[in-house]
Structures are given as C-alpha cells and as structure tokens.
Amino acid sequence: MDPALAAAYARCRALHRRHGRSYYLATRLLPAGKRRHVHALYGFTRYADEIVDRADGLATAERARRLRDWSDRFLAGLAGERVDDPLLPAVLHTIEVFAMDPADFATFLQSMAMDLEVRDYAGYDDLLSYMEGSAAAIGAMMLPILEPADRALAREPARQLGLAFQLTNFIRDVGEDLDRGRVYLPRADLEKFGVTRADLRAAADRRAASPSIKDLIGYEVTRARAHYAAAAPGVPMLAPASQACIRAAFHLYGGILDEVERAGHDVFARRAVVPHRRRLATVARCLLTPPGTPVGLPTARAPRV
C-alpha cells in the first residue's frame, strides 16, 4: 500500500480507538480486511465533528471556513484529484473499493454545517431532518462493507440503527451539548414535561436532574428504543462475517440506555458508561451467537434506589 494511504488509515484507526471505544471494540469482530474501512468512515465523520465542535476558541465563521475547505478537498478527491490531507485518502479509497454512494457523504457534511448555526430543534421531525445526515446516512455508508444479501432491504434498518446510536448519544450527552450551546432534545418535548433550557443548565451545574427532567429523559429513552427495535431485523440480513460486529455495537450502545435507566434517568449525576467487564462479556456473547439469530431487545431497567 502507498505509504501516504497507509498513514491515512492509521490515523483513522487512532481516532476510532481514542474516541469510539465501544464501536471500536465491536469493529474488532469484523474480518481483518474490512476493519480499516470502518475506521476510515469513523475517522471521516469524527474529523468533521472536531472541526465543528473542537476548534477551541475559533469563531463560528472560521470553523465554517475550515469545514468548507475540508469538504472541498474531499469533493475534489471524489472527482479524481490527488488530495493533500492526512486523513481523506483513506475514506476516498474506501469509497472507491466499495462503490459507495457519494450522496450519503454530502448529506452528512450538510448536517455538520447545520451544527455551526442551529442551536435547537422545534420538534422531533426537525431533529430527524438533521439526523438524516448526521446518523442515518452513516448507517447507509456502512452497508457496502457489511454486505447484506439485499442491500435495498437492509438500508432502512441500517438507517434506523444510525438514528438509534445518535439519539443515545444525545440522551447521554445533554450536559456536554449544553456546554457547546446546543440542545438536541426537541423544544416540543421539553415543553411537554415543563422543562426549560435554563432548567437543563441548572441541573448540569448542580449535577442532579429534577423529577421533570428525569421524566423527559425517560421519554427520550423510549423513543430511542423504538429506533433500536426498527433496526434489529437488519442484523441477520448482513453477511455472516459482519453480524457479530453489528450485533455487538447494537448491544453496546443500547447498554448506554440501560445505564441511563439504572441511574433513574439522571444523566447529570455521572456519565452513562457501560462497565468494561460488561462490554467484554457482550462482545464475547455476540461472537458466539450463530449468524442469522434474531436480535433480542432489552426490557426497561429498574433504577437504583
């Protein structure tokens, strides 16, 4: 492999290992020849996210310029130009190898641009419009690597799994998103439970959720579970060698919701993290599950008292 391309894949793998621990662990269940391509997709999405969220001290206009410049380099690479970038050659190579649809990547980049301007969402349909790029498109990107028998049939469950993962992150990271000036839980949902943005800020500051906020989080957990249920039939559709990976990711991310429920839906007292031993047990169980086995859905967890 060309040294620059190998270095780009290595950079993507490092980003994945550092920032996506549960997903990285699940990816290790894929055949070795496919792992680097999943790392490339993760690296692409993570780097765009870092431009938007982690360019400390930079004005919105400067972050928008950096995202636009990086997107232009990506599009130039898709057009066949040689790209001078430490990360993009890996994702461009992955797109070429699997004949991926560039439209999914364009939709993703549009959602990243939205994050620079949009601070909240009126209703769930509005949030879904954002997540179409930030989450559902990523599920669709993965399909060529995972090789379902019928890609058209598997596309909707893959989209739903992307939505489930994204909403899980939004539930867990309410406090972190507030620090970035954003609230991803829809305003209509906050109003339904009598919660204001100021209430969320106060709960984050005191590291304890009020009863109304806990009810709000419980409602969002139920909504996320519905996306997992819609995604579950897609796992047995994948190539047998791909099923353990996605089955593990399904349960590891769903396990974050289990931890939220165990904490009584208080996402401010501590960050919801699946314990390391439980993650390893989940991966082992998924590795031993015969291909084609339906994905079991969890039941609601009783909170700690």
Protein backbone atom coordinates (compact mmCIF):
# COMPACT_ATOMS: atom_id res chain seq x y z
CA MET A 1 0.00 0.00 0.00
CA ASP A 2 1.13 3.54 -0.74
CA PRO A 3 2.75 4.96 2.45
CA ALA A 4 0.51 8.06 2.45
CA LEU A 5 -2.60 5.87 2.17
CA ALA A 6 -1.38 3.54 4.90
CA ALA A 7 -0.71 6.55 7.15
CA ALA A 8 -4.23 7.88 6.49
CA TYR A 9 -5.77 4.55 7.50
CA ALA A 10 -3.58 4.50 10.62
CA ARG A 11 -4.76 8.00 11.55
CA CYS A 12 -8.40 6.96 11.16
CA ARG A 13 -7.82 3.89 13.28
CA ALA A 14 -6.23 6.03 16.01
CA LEU A 15 -9.19 8.41 16.02
CA HIS A 16 -11.59 5.48 16.23
CA ARG A 17 -9.68 3.79 19.03
CA ARG A 18 -9.44 7.01 21.04
CA HIS A 19 -12.94 8.41 20.65
CA GLY A 20 -15.25 5.50 19.79
CA ARG A 21 -14.29 2.85 22.31
CA SER A 22 -17.47 0.74 22.19
CA TYR A 23 -17.75 0.92 18.41
CA TYR A 24 -14.02 0.25 18.04
CA LEU A 25 -14.36 -2.83 20.21
CA ALA A 26 -17.26 -4.09 18.09
CA THR A 27 -15.31 -3.40 14.89
CA ARG A 28 -12.64 -5.86 16.01
CA LEU A 29 -15.17 -8.62 15.34
CA LEU A 30 -15.09 -7.89 11.61
CA PRO A 31 -12.73 -9.73 9.28
CA ALA A 32 -9.34 -8.02 9.32
CA GLY A 33 -9.65 -6.86 5.71
CA LYS A 34 -12.76 -4.83 6.50
CA ARG A 35 -11.79 -3.16 9.76
CA ARG A 36 -9.67 -0.44 8.21
CA HIS A 37 -12.58 0.64 6.03
CA VAL A 38 -14.83 1.07 9.06
CA HIS A 39 -12.01 3.03 10.73
CA ALA A 40 -11.88 5.24 7.62
CA LEU A 41 -15.58 6.06 7.82
CA TYR A 42 -15.32 6.76 11.53
CA GLY A 43 -12.25 8.95 11.00
CA PHE A 44 -14.02 10.93 8.30
CA THR A 45 -17.08 11.62 10.44
CA ARG A 46 -15.06 12.26 13.59
CA TYR A 47 -12.72 14.73 11.95
CA ALA A 48 -15.64 16.73 10.57
CA ASP A 49 -17.15 16.74 14.04
CA GLU A 50 -13.89 18.02 15.50
CA ILE A 51 -13.80 20.91 13.03
CA VAL A 52 -17.30 21.89 14.14
CA ASP A 53 -17.04 21.27 17.89
CA ARG A 54 -13.42 21.10 18.99
CA ALA A 55 -11.72 24.03 17.29
CA ASP A 56 -11.23 25.73 20.65
CA GLY A 57 -11.51 29.48 20.64
CA LEU A 58 -12.30 29.83 16.94
CA ALA A 59 -15.24 31.93 15.81
CA THR A 60 -18.13 30.24 14.04
CA ALA A 61 -17.16 31.85 10.74
CA GLU A 62 -13.64 30.41 10.95
CA ARG A 63 -14.91 26.92 11.79
CA ALA A 64 -17.36 27.20 8.87
CA ARG A 65 -14.47 28.14 6.58
CA ARG A 66 -12.40 25.16 7.77
CA LEU A 67 -15.31 22.77 7.26
CA ARG A 68 -15.97 24.21 3.80
CA ASP A 69 -12.29 23.94 2.81
CA TRP A 70 -12.07 20.36 4.06
CA SER A 71 -15.33 19.45 2.29
CA ASP A 72 -13.99 20.97 -0.93
CA ARG A 73 -10.84 18.84 -0.67
CA PHE A 74 -13.00 15.77 -0.15
CA LEU A 75 -15.15 16.59 -3.21
CA ALA A 76 -12.02 17.21 -5.26
CA GLY A 77 -10.77 13.79 -4.22
CA LEU A 78 -14.06 12.22 -5.30
CA ALA A 79 -13.52 13.88 -8.70
CA GLY A 80 -10.17 12.12 -9.02
CA GLU A 81 -7.79 14.85 -7.88
CA ARG A 82 -4.86 13.96 -5.66
CA VAL A 83 -5.63 15.20 -2.15
CA ASP A 84 -3.01 16.50 0.25
CA ASP A 85 -4.62 15.56 3.56
CA PRO A 86 -3.57 13.27 6.42
CA LEU A 87 -6.95 11.52 6.61
CA LEU A 88 -9.01 11.87 3.41
CA PRO A 89 -7.07 9.38 1.23
CA ALA A 90 -8.35 6.55 3.44
CA VAL A 91 -12.04 7.39 3.08
CA LEU A 92 -11.65 8.15 -0.63
CA HIS A 93 -10.03 4.74 -1.11
CA THR A 94 -12.81 3.08 0.89
CA ILE A 95 -15.47 4.78 -1.22
CA GLU A 96 -13.74 3.56 -4.36
CA VAL A 97 -13.27 -0.01 -3.15
CA PHE A 98 -16.93 -0.43 -2.19
CA ALA A 99 -18.52 1.85 -4.82
CA MET A 100 -20.24 3.84 -2.08
CA ASP A 101 -22.86 6.48 -2.84
CA PRO A 102 -21.27 9.96 -2.56
CA ALA A 103 -24.73 11.38 -1.80
CA ASP A 104 -24.58 9.88 1.71
CA PHE A 105 -21.35 11.77 2.38
CA ALA A 106 -22.77 15.02 1.03
CA THR A 107 -25.81 14.63 3.29
CA PHE A 108 -23.53 14.07 6.26
CA LEU A 109 -21.49 17.19 5.54
CA GLN A 110 -24.67 19.26 5.25
CA SER A 111 -25.66 18.21 8.77
CA MET A 112 -22.23 19.15 10.07
CA ALA A 113 -22.70 22.62 8.60
CA MET A 114 -26.06 22.85 10.40
CA ASP A 115 -24.28 22.34 13.72
CA LEU A 116 -22.47 25.62 13.22
CA GLU A 117 -25.72 27.61 13.17
CA VAL A 118 -28.60 25.59 14.63
CA ARG A 119 -28.78 25.53 18.44
CA ASP A 120 -32.01 23.60 19.00
CA TYR A 121 -34.89 21.90 17.19
CA ALA A 122 -38.59 22.66 17.44
CA GLY A 123 -39.93 19.12 17.12
CA TYR A 124 -38.75 15.57 16.56
CA ASP A 125 -39.34 15.77 12.82
CA ASP A 126 -36.95 18.72 12.72
CA LEU A 127 -34.35 16.76 14.66
CA LEU A 128 -34.84 13.79 12.33
CA SER A 129 -34.05 16.05 9.37
CA TYR A 130 -30.70 16.81 11.00
CA MET A 131 -30.08 13.18 11.95
CA GLU A 132 -30.76 12.09 8.38
CA GLY A 133 -27.25 13.33 7.64
CA SER A 134 -25.53 13.01 10.99
CA ALA A 135 -26.72 9.46 11.70
CA ALA A 136 -28.94 7.71 9.14
CA ALA A 137 -26.52 8.43 6.31
CA ILE A 138 -23.70 6.83 8.29
CA GLY A 139 -25.74 3.65 8.65
CA ALA A 140 -26.22 3.66 4.89
CA MET A 141 -22.48 4.23 4.32
CA MET A 142 -21.69 1.07 6.26
CA LEU A 143 -23.86 -1.28 4.20
CA PRO A 144 -21.44 -1.97 1.32
CA ILE A 145 -18.80 -3.03 3.86
CA LEU A 146 -21.24 -5.25 5.75
CA GLU A 147 -22.52 -6.92 2.56
CA PRO A 148 -26.19 -7.68 3.21
CA ALA A 149 -27.80 -10.18 0.86
CA ASP A 150 -30.28 -7.50 -0.20
CA ARG A 151 -28.84 -4.00 0.22
CA ALA A 152 -32.11 -2.26 -0.63
CA LEU A 153 -33.99 -4.25 2.03
CA ALA A 154 -31.26 -3.68 4.63
CA ARG A 155 -30.99 0.07 4.07
CA GLU A 156 -33.88 1.14 6.31
CA PRO A 157 -32.78 -0.97 9.32
CA ALA A 158 -29.26 0.44 8.85
CA ARG A 159 -30.65 3.98 8.86
CA GLN A 160 -32.65 3.19 11.98
CA LEU A 161 -29.56 1.90 13.75
CA GLY A 162 -27.73 5.11 12.94
CA LEU A 163 -30.66 7.08 14.39
CA ALA A 164 -30.70 4.88 17.50
CA PHE A 165 -26.99 5.42 18.13
CA GLN A 166 -27.26 9.18 17.59
CA LEU A 167 -30.24 9.62 19.89
CA THR A 168 -28.47 7.51 22.52
CA ASN A 169 -25.57 9.96 22.37
CA PHE A 170 -27.92 12.94 22.64
CA ILE A 171 -29.55 11.45 25.74
CA ARG A 172 -26.24 10.70 27.43
CA ASP A 173 -24.53 13.97 26.47
CA VAL A 174 -27.15 16.60 27.33
CA GLY A 175 -24.69 18.39 29.61
CA GLU A 176 -21.80 18.32 27.12
CA ASP A 177 -24.04 19.63 24.35
CA LEU A 178 -25.24 22.44 26.59
CA ASP A 179 -21.61 23.46 27.06
CA ARG A 180 -21.41 23.81 23.26
CA GLY A 181 -24.55 25.93 23.22
CA ARG A 182 -26.82 23.21 21.81
CA VAL A 183 -29.87 21.28 22.96
CA TYR A 184 -30.74 18.31 20.76
CA LEU A 185 -33.82 17.25 22.73
CA PRO A 186 -36.70 18.89 20.84
CA ARG A 187 -38.33 22.00 22.31
CA ALA A 188 -41.73 20.33 22.00
CA ASP A 189 -40.53 17.53 24.28
CA LEU A 190 -39.14 19.98 26.84
CA GLU A 191 -42.47 21.82 26.85
CA LYS A 192 -44.37 18.52 27.20
CA PHE A 193 -42.59 17.91 30.52
CA GLY A 194 -42.40 21.52 31.69
CA VAL A 195 -38.62 21.74 31.25
CA THR A 196 -36.78 24.83 30.05
CA ARG A 197 -33.27 25.25 28.70
CA ALA A 198 -32.46 27.09 31.93
CA ASP A 199 -33.66 24.05 33.91
CA LEU A 200 -31.23 21.84 31.98
CA ARG A 201 -28.40 24.28 32.62
CA ALA A 202 -29.18 24.35 36.35
CA ALA A 203 -29.30 20.55 36.50
CA ALA A 204 -25.94 20.32 34.73
CA ASP A 205 -24.42 22.83 37.16
CA ARG A 206 -25.64 21.02 40.26
CA ARG A 207 -25.06 17.57 38.67
CA ALA A 208 -28.54 16.35 39.52
CA ALA A 209 -31.69 16.11 37.42
CA SER A 210 -35.09 17.26 38.63
CA PRO A 211 -38.08 14.87 38.51
CA SER A 212 -39.41 16.58 35.38
CA ILE A 213 -36.07 16.24 33.61
CA LYS A 214 -35.92 12.55 34.56
CA ASP A 215 -39.38 12.11 33.05
CA LEU A 216 -38.18 13.87 29.88
CA ILE A 217 -35.12 11.62 29.63
CA GLY A 218 -37.27 8.54 30.18
CA TYR A 219 -39.47 9.64 27.28
CA GLU A 220 -36.43 10.04 25.00
CA VAL A 221 -35.10 6.63 26.05
CA THR A 222 -38.41 5.08 24.97
CA ARG A 223 -38.12 6.88 21.63
CA ALA A 224 -34.56 5.62 21.16
CA ARG A 225 -35.65 2.06 21.99
CA ALA A 226 -38.16 2.30 19.14
CA HIS A 227 -35.32 3.02 16.70
CA TYR A 228 -33.37 0.03 18.03
CA ALA A 229 -36.46 -2.16 17.54
CA ALA A 230 -36.78 -0.95 13.94
CA ALA A 231 -33.08 -1.67 13.37
CA ALA A 232 -32.99 -5.15 14.90
CA PRO A 233 -34.30 -7.09 11.84
CA GLY A 234 -31.39 -5.73 9.79
CA VAL A 235 -28.64 -7.54 11.69
CA PRO A 236 -29.46 -11.07 10.41
CA MET A 237 -29.64 -9.63 6.88
CA LEU A 238 -25.91 -8.90 6.88
CA ALA A 239 -23.16 -11.19 5.66
CA PRO A 240 -22.50 -13.83 8.34
CA ALA A 241 -18.99 -12.46 8.96
CA SER A 242 -20.44 -8.98 9.62
CA GLN A 243 -23.19 -9.89 12.05
CA ALA A 244 -21.17 -10.25 15.25
CA CYS A 245 -19.75 -6.73 14.86
CA ILE A 246 -23.09 -5.00 14.36
CA ARG A 247 -24.81 -7.20 16.94
CA ALA A 248 -22.16 -6.12 19.45
CA ALA A 249 -22.47 -2.44 18.51
CA PHE A 250 -26.26 -2.74 18.84
CA HIS A 251 -25.99 -4.09 22.39
CA LEU A 252 -23.08 -1.90 23.50
CA TYR A 253 -24.84 1.33 22.51
CA GLY A 254 -28.13 0.02 23.83
CA GLY A 255 -26.26 -0.69 27.05
CA ILE A 256 -25.76 3.06 27.48
CA LEU A 257 -29.53 3.39 27.70
CA ASP A 258 -29.51 0.57 30.28
CA GLU A 259 -27.09 2.65 32.37
CA VAL A 260 -29.28 5.74 32.00
CA GLU A 261 -32.22 3.72 33.28
CA ARG A 262 -30.19 2.28 36.15
CA ALA A 263 -29.37 5.85 37.20
CA GLY A 264 -33.06 6.71 37.33
CA HIS A 265 -32.75 8.76 34.11
CA ASP A 266 -30.40 11.24 35.76
CA VAL A 267 -27.86 11.95 33.01
CA PHE A 268 -26.19 14.73 35.02
CA ALA A 269 -25.02 12.85 38.12
CA ARG A 270 -22.49 10.84 36.12
CA ARG A 271 -21.81 9.98 32.52
CA ALA A 272 -23.59 6.79 31.48
CA VAL A 273 -20.86 4.28 30.61
CA VAL A 274 -21.13 0.53 30.15
CA PRO A 275 -18.61 -1.07 32.54
CA HIS A 276 -15.57 -2.57 30.84
CA ARG A 277 -16.27 -6.10 32.06
CA ARG A 278 -19.83 -5.93 30.74
CA ARG A 279 -18.55 -4.65 27.37
CA LEU A 280 -16.18 -7.60 27.08
CA ALA A 281 -18.93 -10.05 28.06
CA THR A 282 -21.24 -8.55 25.44
CA VAL A 283 -18.61 -8.85 22.72
CA ALA A 284 -17.89 -12.48 23.67
CA ARG A 285 -21.59 -13.34 23.65
CA CYS A 286 -22.09 -11.74 20.23
CA LEU A 287 -19.05 -13.50 18.83
CA LEU A 288 -20.54 -16.86 19.89
CA THR A 289 -24.05 -16.10 18.60
CA PRO A 290 -24.77 -18.08 15.40
CA PRO A 291 -25.31 -15.92 12.30
CA GLY A 292 -28.95 -15.40 11.47
CA THR A 293 -30.07 -15.33 15.11
CA PRO A 294 -32.66 -12.60 15.69
CA VAL A 295 -31.50 -9.70 17.87
CA GLY A 296 -33.13 -9.71 21.29
CA LEU A 297 -34.45 -6.40 22.59
CA PRO A 298 -33.86 -5.33 26.20
CA THR A 299 -36.59 -4.62 28.70
CA ALA A 300 -36.68 -1.46 30.81
CA ARG A 301 -34.25 -1.49 33.74
CA ALA A 302 -35.29 -0.68 37.27
CA PRO A 303 -33.48 2.40 38.63
CA ARG A 304 -31.06 2.16 41.51
CA VAL A 305 -32.56 3.12 44.86
